[in-house]
């Protein structure tokens, strides 16, 4: 898990969750479930998630974020930390 704070803004958690639901095609996961353990969570869908999130937040987000921060909450926190740089 990342060193990023685990208290990201709720709107960002909701945004990440929405992208995961869209890309994975279902909502059968919790905000603390690791992406690669969810049905449909693989390297291809991880790339799709990061492309969609980059489009939504307006900043280029590196793939390493989802590889190091594998839950909705952790990824939202990492994106928030990345934006603060």
Foldseek 3Di string as FASTA:
>chain_A
DDPFDLDFDPVLLVVLQVLLCVLQVHNPDDQPDFQCVDVSRDPVSLVVSQVVVCVVVVHRDDSVLCVVQGGSSSSSRVVVVVVVD
